[in-house]
Amino acid sequence: MTINKKQEGTELEVALVGRLDTSTAPELEAELKHSINGVTALTMDFAGLEYISSAGLRVLLAAQKVMNKQGKMVVRHVNETIMDVFEVTGFIDILTIEQ
């Protein structure tokens, strides 16, 4: 998985390419922990994300909890496969998802 970050002031965009799974989730988790302090708007761009596992969902949930306290988080460009995962797991009700 590739993580591409763009930060402007207190707005952070994180674009993921590849697979967010057990082997790559710790990398994203560490990157978010390092980058999220002081961020009031976090955008997760999933245009290049092909797959998400339960480990990836856990990282998203942790990021959402932090952002609930300090701002907002939006997930964009979710493909049909990942949207199905969000629907089955109930994440569709937890996350703000924009196409």
C-alpha atoms as a PDB file:
ATOM      1  CA  MET A   1       0.000   0.000   0.000  1.00  0.00           C
ATOM      2  CA  THR A   2       1.112   3.539  -0.739  1.00  0.00           C
ATOM      3  CA  ILE A   3       0.187   6.471   1.516  1.00  0.00           C
ATOM      4  CA  ASN A   4       0.186   9.930  -0.062  1.00  0.00           C
ATOM      5  CA  LYS A   5      -0.317  12.902   2.278  1.00  0.00           C
ATOM      6  CA  LYS A   6      -1.140  16.525   1.522  1.00  0.00           C
ATOM      7  CA  GLN A   7      -1.444  19.017   4.346  1.00  0.00           C
ATOM      8  CA  GLU A   8      -2.589  22.618   4.141  1.00  0.00           C
ATOM      9  CA  GLY A   9      -2.828  24.294   7.515  1.00  0.00           C
ATOM     10  CA  THR A  10      -5.074  22.159   9.707  1.00  0.00           C
ATOM     11  CA  GLU A  11      -6.479  20.171   6.768  1.00  0.00           C
ATOM     12  CA  LEU A  12      -4.921  16.795   5.967  1.00  0.00           C
ATOM     13  CA  GLU A  13      -5.691  14.585   2.979  1.00  0.00           C
ATOM     14  CA  VAL A  14      -4.487  10.988   3.019  1.00  0.00           C
ATOM     15  CA  ALA A  15      -4.781   9.069  -0.260  1.00  0.00           C
ATOM     16  CA  LEU A  16      -4.346   5.304  -0.111  1.00  0.00           C
ATOM     17  CA  VAL A  17      -3.343   3.098  -3.033  1.00  0.00           C
ATOM     18  CA  GLY A  18      -3.420  -0.694  -2.899  1.00  0.00           C
ATOM     19  CA  ARG A  19      -4.680  -2.913  -0.069  1.00  0.00           C
ATOM     20  CA  LEU A  20      -5.354  -1.896   3.535  1.00  0.00           C
ATOM     21  CA  ASP A  21      -4.985  -5.188   5.377  1.00  0.00           C
ATOM     22  CA  THR A  22      -3.240  -6.851   8.305  1.00  0.00           C
ATOM     23  CA  SER A  23       0.214  -6.208   6.881  1.00  0.00           C
ATOM     24  CA  THR A  24      -0.339  -2.544   5.894  1.00  0.00           C
ATOM     25  CA  ALA A  25      -2.731  -1.305   8.619  1.00  0.00           C
ATOM     26  CA  PRO A  26       0.065  -0.729  11.185  1.00  0.00           C
ATOM     27  CA  GLU A  27       1.829   1.562   8.686  1.00  0.00           C
ATOM     28  CA  LEU A  28      -1.307   3.682   8.231  1.00  0.00           C
ATOM     29  CA  GLU A  29      -1.965   3.698  11.967  1.00  0.00           C
ATOM     30  CA  ALA A  30       1.566   4.974  12.694  1.00  0.00           C
ATOM     31  CA  GLU A  31       1.307   7.593   9.923  1.00  0.00           C
ATOM     32  CA  LEU A  32      -2.025   8.902  11.234  1.00  0.00           C
ATOM     33  CA  LYS A  33      -0.826   9.013  14.852  1.00  0.00           C
ATOM     34  CA  HIS A  34       2.185  11.021  13.697  1.00  0.00           C
ATOM     35  CA  SER A  35       0.202  13.386  11.448  1.00  0.00           C
ATOM     36  CA  ILE A  36      -3.207  13.898  13.057  1.00  0.00           C
ATOM     37  CA  ASN A  37      -2.262  16.231  15.946  1.00  0.00           C
ATOM     38  CA  GLY A  38      -3.791  19.650  15.363  1.00  0.00           C
ATOM     39  CA  VAL A  39      -5.719  18.526  12.284  1.00  0.00           C
ATOM     40  CA  THR A  40      -9.331  19.750  12.193  1.00  0.00           C
ATOM     41  CA  ALA A  41     -10.295  18.256   8.811  1.00  0.00           C
ATOM     42  CA  LEU A  42      -9.101  14.803   7.745  1.00  0.00           C
ATOM     43  CA  THR A  43      -9.961  13.498   4.282  1.00  0.00           C
ATOM     44  CA  MET A  44      -9.279   9.871   3.453  1.00  0.00           C
ATOM     45  CA  ASP A  45      -9.169   9.417  -0.334  1.00  0.00           C
ATOM     46  CA  PHE A  46      -9.880   5.795  -1.282  1.00  0.00           C
ATOM     47  CA  ALA A  47      -9.830   6.279  -5.085  1.00  0.00           C
ATOM     48  CA  GLY A  48      -6.825   3.961  -5.346  1.00  0.00           C
ATOM     49  CA  LEU A  49      -7.768   1.580  -2.531  1.00  0.00           C
ATOM     50  CA  GLU A  50      -8.701  -1.894  -3.770  1.00  0.00           C
ATOM     51  CA  TYR A  51      -9.399  -3.764  -0.524  1.00  0.00           C
ATOM     52  CA  ILE A  52      -9.916  -3.196   3.198  1.00  0.00           C
ATOM     53  CA  SER A  53      -9.747  -5.824   5.952  1.00  0.00           C
ATOM     54  CA  SER A  54     -10.895  -5.756   9.571  1.00  0.00           C
ATOM     55  CA  ALA A  55      -7.444  -4.450  10.541  1.00  0.00           C
ATOM     56  CA  GLY A  56      -7.969  -1.510   8.189  1.00  0.00           C
ATOM     57  CA  LEU A  57     -11.442  -0.900   9.602  1.00  0.00           C
ATOM     58  CA  ARG A  58      -9.952  -0.756  13.103  1.00  0.00           C
ATOM     59  CA  VAL A  59      -7.509   1.984  12.014  1.00  0.00           C
ATOM     60  CA  LEU A  60     -10.351   3.952  10.408  1.00  0.00           C
ATOM     61  CA  LEU A  61     -12.448   3.658  13.561  1.00  0.00           C
ATOM     62  CA  ALA A  62      -9.562   4.900  15.729  1.00  0.00           C
ATOM     63  CA  ALA A  63      -9.015   7.869  13.392  1.00  0.00           C
ATOM     64  CA  GLN A  64     -12.743   8.662  13.447  1.00  0.00           C
ATOM     65  CA  LYS A  65     -12.760   8.663  17.264  1.00  0.00           C
ATOM     66  CA  VAL A  66      -9.855  11.122  17.372  1.00  0.00           C
ATOM     67  CA  MET A  67     -11.415  13.353  14.725  1.00  0.00           C
ATOM     68  CA  ASN A  68     -14.769  13.378  16.559  1.00  0.00           C
ATOM     69  CA  LYS A  69     -12.936  15.257  19.327  1.00  0.00           C
ATOM     70  CA  GLN A  70     -10.893  17.666  17.210  1.00  0.00           C
ATOM     71  CA  GLY A  71     -12.744  18.159  13.936  1.00  0.00           C
ATOM     72  CA  LYS A  72     -14.230  16.107  11.128  1.00  0.00           C
ATOM     73  CA  MET A  73     -13.242  13.173   8.954  1.00  0.00           C
ATOM     74  CA  VAL A  74     -14.524  12.384   5.467  1.00  0.00           C
ATOM     75  CA  VAL A  75     -13.910   9.264   3.376  1.00  0.00           C
ATOM     76  CA  ARG A  76     -14.030   9.903  -0.382  1.00  0.00           C
ATOM     77  CA  HIS A  77     -14.046   7.895  -3.612  1.00  0.00           C
ATOM     78  CA  VAL A  78     -15.021   4.539  -2.099  1.00  0.00           C
ATOM     79  CA  ASN A  79     -15.340   1.707  -4.617  1.00  0.00           C
ATOM     80  CA  GLU A  80     -18.246  -0.728  -4.628  1.00  0.00           C
ATOM     81  CA  THR A  81     -16.331  -3.552  -2.920  1.00  0.00           C
ATOM     82  CA  ILE A  82     -15.245  -1.377   0.005  1.00  0.00           C
ATOM     83  CA  MET A  83     -18.701   0.223   0.227  1.00  0.00           C
ATOM     84  CA  ASP A  84     -20.146  -3.294   0.606  1.00  0.00           C
ATOM     85  CA  VAL A  85     -17.753  -3.900   3.514  1.00  0.00           C
ATOM     86  CA  PHE A  86     -18.818  -0.595   5.112  1.00  0.00           C
ATOM     87  CA  GLU A  87     -22.498  -1.543   4.744  1.00  0.00           C
ATOM     88  CA  VAL A  88     -22.126  -5.066   6.158  1.00  0.00           C
ATOM     89  CA  THR A  89     -20.048  -3.885   9.138  1.00  0.00           C
ATOM     90  CA  GLY A  90     -22.185  -0.827   9.921  1.00  0.00           C
ATOM     91  CA  PHE A  91     -19.329   1.575   9.160  1.00  0.00           C
ATOM     92  CA  ILE A  92     -21.641   3.342   6.725  1.00  0.00           C
ATOM     93  CA  ASP A  93     -23.384   4.750   9.830  1.00  0.00           C
ATOM     94  CA  ILE A  94     -20.128   5.709  11.581  1.00  0.00           C
ATOM     95  CA  LEU A  95     -18.173   7.354   8.759  1.00  0.00           C
ATOM     96  CA  THR A  96     -18.984  10.358   6.601  1.00  0.00           C
ATOM     97  CA  ILE A  97     -18.685   8.975   3.075  1.00  0.00           C
ATOM     98  CA  GLU A  98     -18.657  11.153  -0.046  1.00  0.00           C
ATOM     99  CA  GLN A  99     -18.433   9.939  -3.608  1.00  0.00           C
END
